[in-house]
Amino acid sequence: MTKDTSTKDVEVVTFGCRLNAYEARVMREQAVEAGLEELPGGAVVINTCAVTGEAVRQARQAIRRVGRERPDAKIIVSGCAAQIDPHSFAEMDEVDLVIGNDDKLHAHAYRALPEFGVNDTEKVRVNDIMAVCETAPHLIGAMDGRTRAFVQVQNGCDHRCTFCVIPFGRGRSRSVPVGAVVSQVRELVANGYREVVLSGVDATSYGADLPGRPSLGRLVLTILKQVPELARLRLSSIDSIEADDALYEAIASEPRFMPHLHLSLQSGDDMILKRMKRRHLRDHSIEFCERVRALRPDMVFGADLIAGFPTETEAMFENSMKLVDECGLTHLHVFPFSPRPGTPAARMPQLPRQIVRERARELRRKGQTRLTAHLNGWIGRDAPVLIESGNKGHLEDFTPVADCDGEPGALVSVHVAGHNGTVLNTDSRLAA
């Protein structure tokens, strides 16, 4: 959960993915434009996530807490969980308005509060997300002083993985035109940002809906060519089965394309992948990682993995454990399987929750072992770090570093002295 209170009387509380975090800034700007900061008690906007039942629970908990702590504030709920199940939020006494995942990015939606002249008492203002055909670029000129900016290049998803409700919260896949993305990156760099992260719900499907069908890799190469002042470019998450030749070219030839990829793998067992309705098998994942490392030996991989998917046997789970080593994964995001209402996986034979939780713990322990080995490998070496707030930063491979000297936005060289199991620390800093 993240909070954004840079506008005094409009607070945005965000759950979930990086795209949600990006959109939170747009939501705040649009809420202010709509006049919510002028309300006597101010307003709190809850930007929900639907990826797990726990994320939904946390959003409800936050709404109740805001209701207690700020009883005079208007509470507006949006995001994926609100798009999928708006009436369950509207039934909460604390909530004044529920708006859809597309409308949350537009000022007019926030004016649906009764205080803005709306006569009826209908709390729910959620449209059919599947009818949304375009994703407009929303320029974020500043993100609370941070040196890394996120640029939304794609939204929605046309796939139907059996465990996932996100397509029903985000709608069909739609892309921001190349020219609009390049213009946004150029302006962010002019505003002082040294690093840009391209984000989307299914970023590797980028461009299929645009004239000429430009690929994600082609977009990456275009940005790096047309914005030579950009120091670092990253991708937030990709589906490796959709990687195109231009993306491999960028990996091999562009030093400003950072050597870190986060992969949507979900499982290491072929039968479970088929039951998930994924489009890849375990060998595809291994082959992708091997090919990328041959092109860029310093590449570091993260991955999403689900533990305890319905029908998963111990042997199937062991295949996921083995995949961590076979792909050489470093940064794991492990999710205990959470049945989402309305999905095919929710109707499959479920595993006992104790087994699901234990397998998630085992995967996390495996991930920590891999991460520790990675961190140990940096001890005694010098590396460039982009300084963020609080004297913290990240290496090019996205390894976090603490105790860095320099102003936010500076690229410095540090000497790695050790780590605490999660973050590297330094014993000397040399200006780059």
Protein backbone atom coordinates (compact mmCIF):
# COMPACT_ATOMS: atom_id res chain seq x y z
CA MET A 1 0.00 0.00 0.00
CA THR A 2 1.25 3.48 -0.84
CA LYS A 3 -0.09 6.88 0.16
CA ASP A 4 0.23 10.10 -1.78
CA THR A 5 -0.58 13.26 0.13
CA SER A 6 1.38 15.87 -1.82
CA THR A 7 -1.88 17.71 -2.43
CA LYS A 8 -3.01 18.80 1.00
CA ASP A 9 -6.69 17.86 0.91
CA VAL A 10 -6.67 15.01 -1.62
CA GLU A 11 -5.06 11.75 -0.52
CA VAL A 12 -4.66 8.72 -2.77
CA VAL A 13 -4.15 5.30 -1.17
CA THR A 14 -2.91 2.77 -3.71
CA PHE A 15 -2.68 -1.03 -3.65
CA GLY A 16 -1.14 -3.42 -6.13
CA CYS A 17 1.08 -3.08 -9.17
CA ARG A 18 3.39 -0.39 -10.48
CA LEU A 19 0.80 0.60 -13.04
CA ASN A 20 -1.60 1.38 -10.21
CA ALA A 21 1.13 3.46 -8.57
CA TYR A 22 1.63 5.39 -11.80
CA GLU A 23 -2.09 5.94 -12.20
CA ALA A 24 -2.35 7.21 -8.63
CA ARG A 25 -0.54 10.37 -9.69
CA VAL A 26 -2.94 10.89 -12.58
CA MET A 27 -5.89 10.25 -10.27
CA ARG A 28 -4.70 12.88 -7.81
CA GLU A 29 -4.23 15.46 -10.54
CA GLN A 30 -7.67 14.75 -11.99
CA ALA A 31 -9.33 14.82 -8.55
CA VAL A 32 -7.74 18.22 -7.88
CA GLU A 33 -8.85 19.47 -11.29
CA ALA A 34 -12.37 18.36 -10.42
CA GLY A 35 -12.25 20.48 -7.26
CA LEU A 36 -12.10 17.79 -4.58
CA GLU A 37 -9.48 19.75 -2.65
CA GLU A 38 -12.12 22.42 -2.06
CA LEU A 39 -14.43 20.07 -0.18
CA PRO A 40 -14.69 20.99 3.53
CA GLY A 41 -13.30 17.65 4.72
CA GLY A 42 -11.14 16.93 1.72
CA ALA A 43 -11.21 13.62 -0.10
CA VAL A 44 -9.49 10.23 0.01
CA VAL A 45 -9.31 8.11 -3.13
CA ILE A 46 -8.74 4.37 -2.65
CA ASN A 47 -7.10 2.79 -5.72
CA THR A 48 -7.80 -0.94 -5.28
CA CYS A 49 -6.17 -4.11 -6.57
CA ALA A 50 -7.94 -7.39 -7.37
CA VAL A 51 -5.03 -9.76 -7.99
CA THR A 52 -5.61 -11.61 -4.70
CA GLY A 53 -8.33 -11.85 -2.10
CA GLU A 54 -5.85 -10.40 0.41
CA ALA A 55 -5.44 -7.26 -1.70
CA VAL A 56 -9.20 -6.76 -1.68
CA ARG A 57 -9.33 -7.32 2.07
CA GLN A 58 -6.62 -4.73 2.64
CA ALA A 59 -8.50 -2.18 0.54
CA ARG A 60 -11.66 -2.66 2.62
CA GLN A 61 -9.61 -2.36 5.78
CA ALA A 62 -8.13 0.92 4.52
CA ILE A 63 -11.59 2.29 3.73
CA ARG A 64 -12.79 1.55 7.23
CA ARG A 65 -9.67 3.11 8.73
CA VAL A 66 -10.08 6.29 6.69
CA GLY A 67 -13.72 6.43 7.74
CA ARG A 68 -12.64 6.42 11.39
CA GLU A 69 -9.71 8.78 11.07
CA ARG A 70 -11.21 11.26 8.64
CA PRO A 71 -14.98 11.13 9.14
CA ASP A 72 -15.56 14.40 7.26
CA ALA A 73 -13.63 13.36 4.16
CA LYS A 74 -15.34 12.04 1.05
CA ILE A 75 -14.17 8.53 0.17
CA ILE A 76 -14.00 7.55 -3.50
CA VAL A 77 -13.11 3.99 -4.48
CA SER A 78 -11.73 2.89 -7.85
CA GLY A 79 -9.20 0.44 -9.28
CA CYS A 80 -9.48 -3.16 -10.43
CA ALA A 81 -11.42 -4.54 -7.45
CA ALA A 82 -13.92 -1.69 -7.70
CA GLN A 83 -14.31 -2.24 -11.44
CA ILE A 84 -14.99 -5.95 -11.00
CA ASP A 85 -17.27 -5.78 -7.94
CA PRO A 86 -18.40 -2.16 -7.51
CA HIS A 87 -21.56 -2.81 -5.52
CA SER A 88 -19.71 -4.56 -2.71
CA PHE A 89 -17.79 -1.33 -2.12
CA ALA A 90 -20.86 0.85 -2.60
CA GLU A 91 -22.54 -1.06 0.23
CA MET A 92 -19.90 0.16 2.67
CA ASP A 93 -21.24 3.07 4.72
CA GLU A 94 -17.91 4.90 4.52
CA VAL A 95 -17.91 5.05 0.70
CA ASP A 96 -19.38 8.04 -1.11
CA LEU A 97 -18.61 7.12 -4.72
CA VAL A 98 -17.30 4.17 -6.77
CA ILE A 99 -15.86 4.94 -10.21
CA GLY A 100 -14.47 2.67 -12.91
CA ASN A 101 -10.89 1.91 -13.84
CA ASP A 102 -11.00 4.06 -16.96
CA ASP A 103 -13.02 6.94 -15.51
CA LYS A 104 -10.62 7.29 -12.58
CA LEU A 105 -8.17 8.96 -14.98
CA HIS A 106 -10.61 11.73 -15.90
CA ALA A 107 -11.74 14.73 -13.85
CA HIS A 108 -15.40 14.46 -14.84
CA ALA A 109 -15.79 11.18 -12.93
CA TYR A 110 -14.92 12.81 -9.60
CA ARG A 111 -17.64 15.42 -10.10
CA ALA A 112 -20.25 12.68 -9.68
CA LEU A 113 -20.20 13.37 -5.94
CA PRO A 114 -23.48 14.94 -4.72
CA GLU A 115 -21.49 18.00 -3.63
CA PHE A 116 -20.96 18.78 -7.32
CA GLY A 117 -24.63 18.98 -8.17
CA VAL A 118 -25.47 15.34 -8.83
CA ASN A 119 -29.08 14.88 -7.77
CA ASP A 120 -29.41 11.11 -7.56
CA THR A 121 -27.90 9.01 -4.80
CA GLU A 122 -26.39 6.29 -6.99
CA LYS A 123 -22.91 5.60 -5.68
CA VAL A 124 -21.74 3.41 -8.55
CA ARG A 125 -20.38 5.09 -11.68
CA VAL A 126 -18.69 2.16 -13.41
CA ASN A 127 -18.82 1.68 -17.17
CA ASP A 128 -18.15 -1.43 -19.27
CA ILE A 129 -14.34 -1.66 -19.29
CA MET A 130 -14.49 -4.02 -22.28
CA ALA A 131 -15.89 -1.17 -24.37
CA VAL A 132 -12.79 0.98 -23.81
CA CYS A 133 -10.74 0.91 -27.01
CA GLU A 134 -7.90 3.37 -26.37
CA THR A 135 -5.37 4.21 -23.69
CA ALA A 136 -4.55 7.90 -23.65
CA PRO A 137 -1.10 9.07 -22.55
CA HIS A 138 -1.16 10.92 -19.23
CA LEU A 139 1.96 12.99 -18.75
CA ILE A 140 3.46 12.88 -15.28
CA GLY A 141 5.97 15.70 -15.06
CA ALA A 142 7.06 14.88 -11.52
CA MET A 143 6.61 11.97 -9.14
CA ASP A 144 7.27 13.26 -5.63
CA GLY A 145 10.92 14.03 -6.19
CA ARG A 146 11.89 10.51 -7.18
CA THR A 147 14.45 9.96 -9.89
CA ARG A 148 12.66 7.05 -11.54
CA ALA A 149 9.49 7.65 -13.54
CA PHE A 150 6.94 5.12 -14.78
CA VAL A 151 5.41 5.53 -18.22
CA GLN A 152 2.27 3.61 -19.09
CA VAL A 153 2.58 2.22 -22.61
CA GLN A 154 -0.18 -0.39 -22.52
CA ASN A 155 -3.28 -1.34 -20.56
CA GLY A 156 -5.63 -4.31 -20.44
CA CYS A 157 -5.13 -7.93 -21.45
CA ASP A 158 -6.62 -10.15 -24.15
CA HIS A 159 -5.55 -13.42 -22.51
CA ARG A 160 -7.63 -15.44 -20.09
CA CYS A 161 -5.40 -17.21 -17.62
CA THR A 162 -7.66 -19.39 -15.50
CA PHE A 163 -6.57 -17.82 -12.18
CA CYS A 164 -6.74 -14.17 -13.20
CA VAL A 165 -9.49 -11.54 -12.92
CA ILE A 166 -7.37 -8.63 -14.11
CA PRO A 167 -8.75 -8.58 -17.71
CA PHE A 168 -12.18 -7.90 -16.19
CA GLY A 169 -10.73 -5.01 -14.24
CA ARG A 170 -8.57 -3.59 -17.01
CA GLY A 171 -10.40 -4.48 -20.22
CA ARG A 172 -8.95 -5.37 -23.60
CA SER A 173 -5.33 -4.76 -24.52
CA ARG A 174 -4.71 -1.28 -25.86
CA SER A 175 -1.51 0.62 -26.49
CA VAL A 176 -0.29 4.20 -26.30
CA PRO A 177 1.05 5.34 -29.72
CA VAL A 178 4.83 5.37 -30.09
CA GLY A 179 5.03 9.12 -30.67
CA ALA A 180 3.08 9.87 -27.49
CA VAL A 181 5.34 7.59 -25.44
CA VAL A 182 8.51 9.17 -26.85
CA SER A 183 7.16 12.67 -26.15
CA GLN A 184 6.39 11.73 -22.56
CA VAL A 185 9.82 10.21 -22.00
CA ARG A 186 11.46 13.27 -23.52
CA GLU A 187 9.57 15.61 -21.20
CA LEU A 188 10.34 13.48 -18.15
CA VAL A 189 14.05 13.61 -18.99
CA ALA A 190 13.80 17.38 -19.44
CA ASN A 191 12.28 17.51 -15.94
CA GLY A 192 15.33 15.80 -14.48
CA TYR A 193 14.51 12.09 -14.52
CA ARG A 194 17.45 9.82 -15.27
CA GLU A 195 15.52 6.54 -15.43
CA VAL A 196 12.22 5.58 -17.04
CA VAL A 197 10.30 2.34 -16.55
CA LEU A 198 7.86 1.26 -19.26
CA SER A 199 4.83 -0.36 -17.65
CA GLY A 200 1.66 -2.11 -18.70
CA VAL A 201 -0.68 -4.91 -17.72
CA ASP A 202 0.62 -7.08 -20.58
CA ALA A 203 3.46 -4.94 -21.89
CA THR A 204 4.82 -7.51 -24.36
CA SER A 205 1.52 -7.38 -26.26
CA TYR A 206 2.28 -3.72 -26.96
CA GLY A 207 1.41 -2.41 -30.41
CA ALA A 208 -0.84 -5.15 -31.75
CA ASP A 209 -3.75 -2.70 -31.84
CA LEU A 210 -1.80 0.20 -33.41
CA PRO A 211 -1.24 0.99 -37.11
CA GLY A 212 1.81 -0.88 -38.34
CA ARG A 213 1.76 -3.11 -35.23
CA PRO A 214 4.94 -1.73 -33.60
CA SER A 215 6.36 -4.18 -31.05
CA LEU A 216 7.58 -3.52 -27.52
CA GLY A 217 11.16 -4.07 -28.67
CA ARG A 218 10.73 -1.57 -31.48
CA LEU A 219 9.33 0.93 -28.98
CA VAL A 220 12.39 0.42 -26.73
CA LEU A 221 14.82 0.99 -29.62
CA THR A 222 12.90 4.08 -30.76
CA ILE A 223 12.96 5.66 -27.30
CA LEU A 224 16.69 5.06 -26.88
CA LYS A 225 17.40 6.49 -30.33
CA GLN A 226 15.16 9.54 -30.09
CA VAL A 227 15.90 10.43 -26.45
CA PRO A 228 19.70 10.12 -26.24
CA GLU A 229 19.72 12.08 -22.95
CA LEU A 230 17.89 9.25 -21.15
CA ALA A 231 20.39 7.47 -18.91
CA ARG A 232 18.43 4.33 -18.07
CA LEU A 233 15.44 2.50 -19.52
CA ARG A 234 13.70 -0.46 -17.88
CA LEU A 235 10.70 -2.70 -18.44
CA SER A 236 8.41 -3.39 -15.50
CA SER A 237 7.34 -6.96 -16.34
CA ILE A 238 7.18 -9.08 -19.49
CA ASP A 239 5.71 -12.31 -20.78
CA SER A 240 8.81 -13.91 -22.25
CA ILE A 241 6.91 -15.97 -24.83
CA GLU A 242 6.01 -12.68 -26.58
CA ALA A 243 9.55 -11.29 -26.75
CA ASP A 244 10.28 -10.09 -30.28
CA ASP A 245 13.53 -9.84 -32.27
CA ALA A 246 13.80 -6.09 -31.67
CA LEU A 247 13.71 -6.67 -27.91
CA TYR A 248 16.55 -9.18 -28.20
CA GLU A 249 18.42 -6.56 -30.26
CA ALA A 250 17.95 -3.98 -27.51
CA ILE A 251 19.15 -6.46 -24.87
CA ALA A 252 22.28 -7.24 -26.89
CA SER A 253 23.24 -3.79 -28.15
CA GLU A 254 21.87 -1.04 -25.91
CA PRO A 255 23.85 -0.39 -22.69
CA ARG A 256 21.17 2.07 -21.53
CA PHE A 257 18.64 -0.77 -21.52
CA MET A 258 19.06 -2.04 -17.97
CA PRO A 259 20.06 -5.69 -17.36
CA HIS A 260 17.03 -6.69 -15.32
CA LEU A 261 13.87 -8.41 -16.55
CA HIS A 262 10.91 -9.46 -14.43
CA LEU A 263 9.15 -12.46 -15.96
CA SER A 264 5.57 -13.63 -15.64
CA LEU A 265 6.32 -17.36 -15.23
CA GLN A 266 3.73 -18.45 -12.61
CA SER A 267 4.78 -22.13 -12.54
CA GLY A 268 7.56 -24.49 -13.53
CA ASP A 269 5.34 -27.49 -14.29
CA ASP A 270 3.92 -28.07 -17.77
CA MET A 271 0.63 -29.57 -16.63
CA ILE A 272 -0.02 -26.71 -14.21
CA LEU A 273 0.90 -24.17 -16.92
CA LYS A 274 -1.66 -25.79 -19.21
CA ARG A 275 -4.31 -25.71 -16.47
CA MET A 276 -3.43 -22.06 -15.90
CA LYS A 277 -3.94 -21.55 -19.66
CA ARG A 278 -0.52 -19.99 -19.97
CA ARG A 279 1.04 -19.78 -23.43
CA HIS A 280 4.48 -21.11 -22.51
CA LEU A 281 5.97 -24.31 -21.07
CA ARG A 282 8.90 -24.66 -18.67
CA ASP A 283 11.41 -25.26 -21.49
CA HIS A 284 10.38 -21.96 -23.11
CA SER A 285 11.25 -20.12 -19.90
CA ILE A 286 14.62 -21.84 -19.57
CA GLU A 287 15.46 -21.25 -23.24
CA PHE A 288 14.54 -17.57 -22.96
CA CYS A 289 16.79 -17.02 -19.95
CA GLU A 290 19.66 -18.88 -21.61
CA ARG A 291 19.28 -16.87 -24.83
CA VAL A 292 19.16 -13.54 -23.00
CA ARG A 293 22.19 -14.36 -20.86
CA ALA A 294 24.14 -15.32 -23.97
CA LEU A 295 23.38 -11.83 -25.31
CA ARG A 296 23.83 -10.02 -21.98
CA PRO A 297 25.79 -12.02 -19.37
CA ASP A 298 25.03 -9.50 -16.60
CA MET A 299 21.25 -9.87 -16.97
CA VAL A 300 19.38 -10.54 -13.72
CA PHE A 301 15.91 -12.09 -13.70
CA GLY A 302 12.98 -11.72 -11.36
CA ALA A 303 9.77 -13.69 -11.69
CA ASP A 304 6.19 -14.09 -10.48
CA LEU A 305 5.43 -17.60 -9.22
CA ILE A 306 2.18 -19.02 -7.80
CA ALA A 307 2.38 -21.67 -5.09
CA GLY A 308 -0.38 -24.19 -4.49
CA PHE A 309 -2.36 -23.89 -7.71
CA PRO A 310 -5.33 -26.30 -7.76
CA THR A 311 -4.32 -29.93 -8.50
CA GLU A 312 -0.62 -29.14 -7.93
CA THR A 313 1.10 -32.27 -6.64
CA GLU A 314 4.35 -32.30 -4.68
CA ALA A 315 6.21 -33.33 -7.84
CA MET A 316 4.63 -30.47 -9.78
CA PHE A 317 5.63 -28.03 -7.06
CA GLU A 318 9.18 -29.39 -7.13
CA ASN A 319 9.30 -28.46 -10.82
CA SER A 320 8.67 -24.85 -9.84
CA MET A 321 11.41 -25.07 -7.21
CA LYS A 322 13.83 -26.46 -9.81
CA LEU A 323 12.89 -23.75 -12.30
CA VAL A 324 14.30 -21.10 -9.94
CA ASP A 325 17.76 -22.61 -10.42
CA GLU A 326 17.33 -23.62 -14.06
CA CYS A 327 16.35 -20.06 -15.04
CA GLY A 328 18.79 -18.50 -12.59
CA LEU A 329 16.10 -16.35 -10.94
CA THR A 330 17.16 -13.77 -8.36
CA HIS A 331 14.16 -11.66 -7.34
CA LEU A 332 11.03 -13.76 -6.70
CA HIS A 333 7.50 -12.48 -6.20
CA VAL A 334 5.74 -15.49 -4.68
CA PHE A 335 1.95 -15.61 -4.42
CA PRO A 336 0.10 -18.31 -2.50
CA PHE A 337 -2.77 -19.28 -4.79
CA SER A 338 -5.87 -17.23 -4.04
CA PRO A 339 -9.13 -18.39 -5.71
CA ARG A 340 -10.78 -15.40 -7.34
CA PRO A 341 -14.58 -15.64 -7.71
CA GLY A 342 -15.71 -16.21 -11.28
CA THR A 343 -12.44 -17.66 -12.56
CA PRO A 344 -12.10 -21.24 -13.84
CA ALA A 345 -9.35 -21.97 -11.30
CA ALA A 346 -11.73 -21.19 -8.45
CA ARG A 347 -13.85 -24.15 -9.60
CA MET A 348 -10.93 -26.58 -9.75
CA PRO A 349 -10.11 -28.95 -6.85
CA GLN A 350 -8.44 -26.76 -4.24
CA LEU A 351 -5.46 -27.66 -2.07
CA PRO A 352 -5.66 -27.27 1.71
CA ARG A 353 -4.65 -23.72 2.68
CA GLN A 354 -1.94 -25.05 4.98
CA ILE A 355 -0.22 -26.76 2.03
CA VAL A 356 -0.57 -23.63 -0.11
CA ARG A 357 1.02 -21.46 2.57
CA GLU A 358 3.83 -23.93 3.22
CA ARG A 359 4.70 -24.18 -0.47
CA ALA A 360 4.76 -20.39 -0.69
CA ARG A 361 7.16 -20.32 2.26
CA GLU A 362 9.39 -22.91 0.58
CA LEU A 363 9.50 -20.92 -2.64
CA ARG A 364 10.33 -17.75 -0.73
CA ARG A 365 13.12 -19.53 1.12
CA LYS A 366 14.45 -20.72 -2.22
CA GLY A 367 14.25 -17.18 -3.52
CA GLN A 368 16.10 -15.84 -0.50
CA THR A 369 18.88 -18.35 -1.06
CA ARG A 370 19.24 -17.19 -4.65
CA LEU A 371 19.08 -13.54 -3.62
CA THR A 372 21.72 -14.01 -0.93
CA ALA A 373 24.07 -15.62 -3.43
CA HIS A 374 23.50 -12.71 -5.81
CA LEU A 375 24.19 -10.13 -3.09
CA ASN A 376 27.32 -12.01 -1.98
CA GLY A 377 28.57 -11.78 -5.55
CA TRP A 378 28.60 -7.98 -5.35
CA ILE A 379 30.73 -7.74 -2.19
CA GLY A 380 34.07 -6.08 -2.89
CA ARG A 381 33.04 -4.75 -6.28
CA ASP A 382 32.43 -1.22 -7.55
CA ALA A 383 29.14 -0.45 -9.27
CA PRO A 384 27.17 2.55 -10.60
CA VAL A 385 24.09 3.54 -8.59
CA LEU A 386 21.33 5.98 -9.42
CA ILE A 387 20.64 7.86 -6.18
CA GLU A 388 17.03 8.14 -5.08
CA SER A 389 15.62 9.69 -1.92
CA GLY A 390 17.07 8.83 1.49
CA ASN A 391 20.57 8.03 0.16
CA LYS A 392 19.22 4.86 -1.41
CA GLY A 393 19.42 3.69 -4.99
CA HIS A 394 19.57 0.75 -7.38
CA LEU A 395 22.28 -0.85 -9.43
CA GLU A 396 21.72 -1.33 -13.13
CA ASP A 397 20.45 -4.87 -12.39
CA PHE A 398 17.92 -3.36 -9.94
CA THR A 399 19.71 -4.56 -6.81
CA PRO A 400 18.90 -2.05 -4.04
CA VAL A 401 21.75 -0.18 -2.32
CA ALA A 402 21.76 1.87 0.88
CA ASP A 403 24.17 4.46 2.37
CA CYS A 404 24.99 6.19 -0.90
CA ASP A 405 26.43 9.72 -0.93
CA GLY A 406 24.93 12.07 -3.48
CA GLU A 407 21.88 14.06 -4.37
CA PRO A 408 18.78 12.36 -5.79
CA GLY A 409 19.26 11.94 -9.51
CA ALA A 410 23.04 11.60 -9.35
CA LEU A 411 24.79 8.60 -10.86
CA VAL A 412 27.62 7.60 -8.52
CA SER A 413 30.05 4.72 -8.22
CA VAL A 414 29.96 2.82 -4.93
CA HIS A 415 32.13 0.13 -3.41
CA VAL A 416 29.98 -2.69 -2.04
CA ALA A 417 30.97 -3.75 1.47
CA GLY A 418 28.19 -6.16 2.42
CA HIS A 419 24.45 -6.62 2.68
CA ASN A 420 21.65 -7.33 5.15
CA GLY A 421 20.07 -10.13 3.13
CA THR A 422 18.01 -7.74 1.05
CA VAL A 423 19.96 -4.53 0.41
CA LEU A 424 23.60 -3.91 -0.39
CA ASN A 425 25.55 -1.44 1.74
CA THR A 426 28.71 0.49 0.97
CA ASP A 427 31.89 1.53 2.74
CA SER A 428 33.03 4.19 0.30
CA ARG A 429 31.49 6.32 -2.41
CA LEU A 430 33.23 7.77 -5.41
CA ALA A 431 31.60 10.39 -7.62
CA ALA A 432 31.09 9.02 -11.10
